[in-house]
Amino acid sequence: RGAWSRGGGGRGGGRGVWAAWLDGTDLRRCPRRPVPGAAVVVSALYDAYTPNSGEILSKHWDCEVRYLPSGHCSSFVLHHSAFNDAIRDAIGRLRASGVPSNPGIATSLSGPADVRTPLHPSL
């Protein structure tokens, strides 16, 4: 028995629990953003963990998607600059849209973020 047999028991019981947990992480459950075009989704072309997630999310939020020629983990390890560029571009688009500023968002767009400075006041 054990964790994989919980949630209905028998074959597939653990998979059902895992699927229910992953369903809670589905970003399509989030409402559309106030400025949909401001979001920039970065997606890995060879992502076996969350395949097609960039395309699915970009359709849901009506936003840009940028693809990286890598997998789920290697995209993060090898393409930090692409993520930084996407964050910078999204914040720039928000500022240009006239949406009121959030004090929890990093204010410097001129260079790499200081990882010691929290982006949210509660961190």
Protein backbone atom coordinates (compact mmCIF):
# COMPACT_ATOMS: atom_id res chain seq x y z
CA ARG A 1 0.00 0.00 0.00
CA GLY A 2 1.33 3.49 0.71
CA ALA A 3 0.86 6.90 -0.84
CA TRP A 4 0.29 5.66 -4.39
CA SER A 5 -2.65 3.51 -3.35
CA ARG A 6 -4.47 6.34 -1.55
CA GLY A 7 -7.28 8.27 -3.17
CA GLY A 8 -9.45 5.43 -4.35
CA GLY A 9 -7.09 2.53 -3.81
CA GLY A 10 -6.23 -0.08 -6.35
CA ARG A 11 -4.62 0.57 -9.67
CA GLY A 12 -4.48 4.21 -10.66
CA GLY A 13 -5.50 5.48 -7.21
CA GLY A 14 -2.24 7.29 -6.66
CA ARG A 15 -2.34 8.63 -10.18
CA GLY A 16 -5.75 10.11 -9.42
CA VAL A 17 -4.36 11.91 -6.39
CA TRP A 18 -1.40 13.17 -8.43
CA ALA A 19 -3.70 14.32 -11.27
CA ALA A 20 -5.94 16.17 -8.81
CA TRP A 21 -2.91 17.91 -7.29
CA LEU A 22 -1.56 18.91 -10.71
CA ASP A 23 -5.00 20.17 -11.73
CA GLY A 24 -4.72 22.73 -8.93
CA THR A 25 -1.55 24.10 -10.53
CA ASP A 26 -3.19 24.65 -13.94
CA LEU A 27 -2.76 28.34 -14.75
CA ARG A 28 -5.93 28.26 -16.84
CA ARG A 29 -7.72 28.35 -13.49
CA CYS A 30 -6.36 31.89 -13.03
CA PRO A 31 -8.50 34.73 -14.40
CA ARG A 32 -7.35 36.63 -17.46
CA ARG A 33 -4.81 39.30 -16.61
CA PRO A 34 -5.88 42.99 -16.43
CA VAL A 35 -3.54 43.76 -19.35
CA PRO A 36 -3.51 40.48 -21.31
CA GLY A 37 -0.99 41.60 -23.93
CA ALA A 38 1.56 42.48 -21.26
CA ALA A 39 2.26 38.88 -20.26
CA VAL A 40 5.14 37.03 -21.89
CA VAL A 41 5.09 33.24 -21.57
CA VAL A 42 8.43 31.45 -21.96
CA SER A 43 8.01 27.84 -23.02
CA ALA A 44 10.41 25.00 -23.77
CA LEU A 45 9.93 23.30 -27.14
CA TYR A 46 11.01 19.90 -25.80
CA ASP A 47 9.18 20.06 -22.47
CA ALA A 48 7.93 16.57 -21.62
CA TYR A 49 6.72 17.64 -18.15
CA THR A 50 4.29 20.38 -19.28
CA PRO A 51 3.96 19.86 -23.05
CA ASN A 52 2.21 22.62 -25.01
CA SER A 53 1.78 24.70 -21.85
CA GLY A 54 3.10 27.86 -23.50
CA GLU A 55 0.63 27.66 -26.35
CA ILE A 56 -2.27 26.78 -24.04
CA LEU A 57 -1.51 29.63 -21.62
CA SER A 58 -0.90 32.18 -24.38
CA LYS A 59 -4.32 31.37 -25.85
CA HIS A 60 -5.96 31.65 -22.40
CA TRP A 61 -4.27 34.96 -21.55
CA ASP A 62 -4.05 36.28 -25.14
CA CYS A 63 -0.34 36.99 -24.74
CA GLU A 64 3.00 36.46 -26.42
CA VAL A 65 4.79 33.13 -26.13
CA ARG A 66 8.55 32.73 -26.62
CA TYR A 67 9.93 29.27 -27.26
CA LEU A 68 13.29 27.98 -26.12
CA PRO A 69 15.08 25.10 -27.90
CA SER A 70 15.32 22.98 -24.76
CA GLY A 71 13.45 20.87 -22.22
CA HIS A 72 11.67 21.72 -18.96
CA CYS A 73 14.72 21.92 -16.65
CA SER A 74 17.41 22.73 -19.22
CA SER A 75 15.49 25.81 -20.35
CA PHE A 76 15.79 27.27 -16.87
CA VAL A 77 19.44 26.28 -16.45
CA LEU A 78 20.64 27.32 -19.92
CA HIS A 79 18.42 30.27 -20.80
CA HIS A 80 18.31 32.59 -17.78
CA SER A 81 18.65 35.64 -19.99
CA ALA A 82 15.49 34.70 -21.95
CA PHE A 83 13.47 34.59 -18.73
CA ASN A 84 14.99 37.88 -17.54
CA ASP A 85 14.20 39.51 -20.90
CA ALA A 86 10.59 38.27 -20.76
CA ILE A 87 10.13 39.63 -17.23
CA ARG A 88 11.66 42.99 -18.21
CA ASP A 89 9.48 43.20 -21.33
CA ALA A 90 6.30 42.29 -19.42
CA ILE A 91 6.95 44.91 -16.74
CA GLY A 92 7.70 47.47 -19.45
CA ARG A 93 4.40 46.66 -21.16
CA LEU A 94 2.54 47.02 -17.87
CA ARG A 95 4.12 50.41 -17.28
CA ALA A 96 3.27 51.54 -20.81
CA SER A 97 -0.35 50.45 -20.32
CA GLY A 98 -0.87 52.87 -17.44
CA VAL A 99 -1.86 50.17 -14.94
CA PRO A 100 -1.15 51.45 -11.41
CA SER A 101 2.22 50.35 -10.10
CA ASN A 102 2.49 47.54 -7.56
CA PRO A 103 5.08 48.24 -4.85
CA GLY A 104 5.92 44.53 -4.77
CA ILE A 105 7.32 44.58 -8.30
CA ALA A 106 11.04 45.18 -8.68
CA THR A 107 11.63 48.74 -9.85
CA SER A 108 14.93 48.32 -11.65
CA LEU A 109 14.67 47.22 -15.27
CA SER A 110 18.16 48.31 -16.25
CA GLY A 111 19.99 45.17 -15.18
CA PRO A 112 19.68 41.75 -13.60
CA ALA A 113 17.49 41.52 -10.52
CA ASP A 114 19.20 41.29 -7.15
CA VAL A 115 18.13 37.84 -5.93
CA ARG A 116 18.48 39.02 -2.32
CA THR A 117 15.74 41.62 -2.80
CA PRO A 118 12.27 40.05 -2.47
CA LEU A 119 9.75 40.86 -5.17
CA HIS A 120 6.86 40.56 -2.74
CA PRO A 121 6.68 42.39 0.62
CA SER A 122 5.82 39.20 2.51
CA LEU A 123 8.99 37.37 1.38
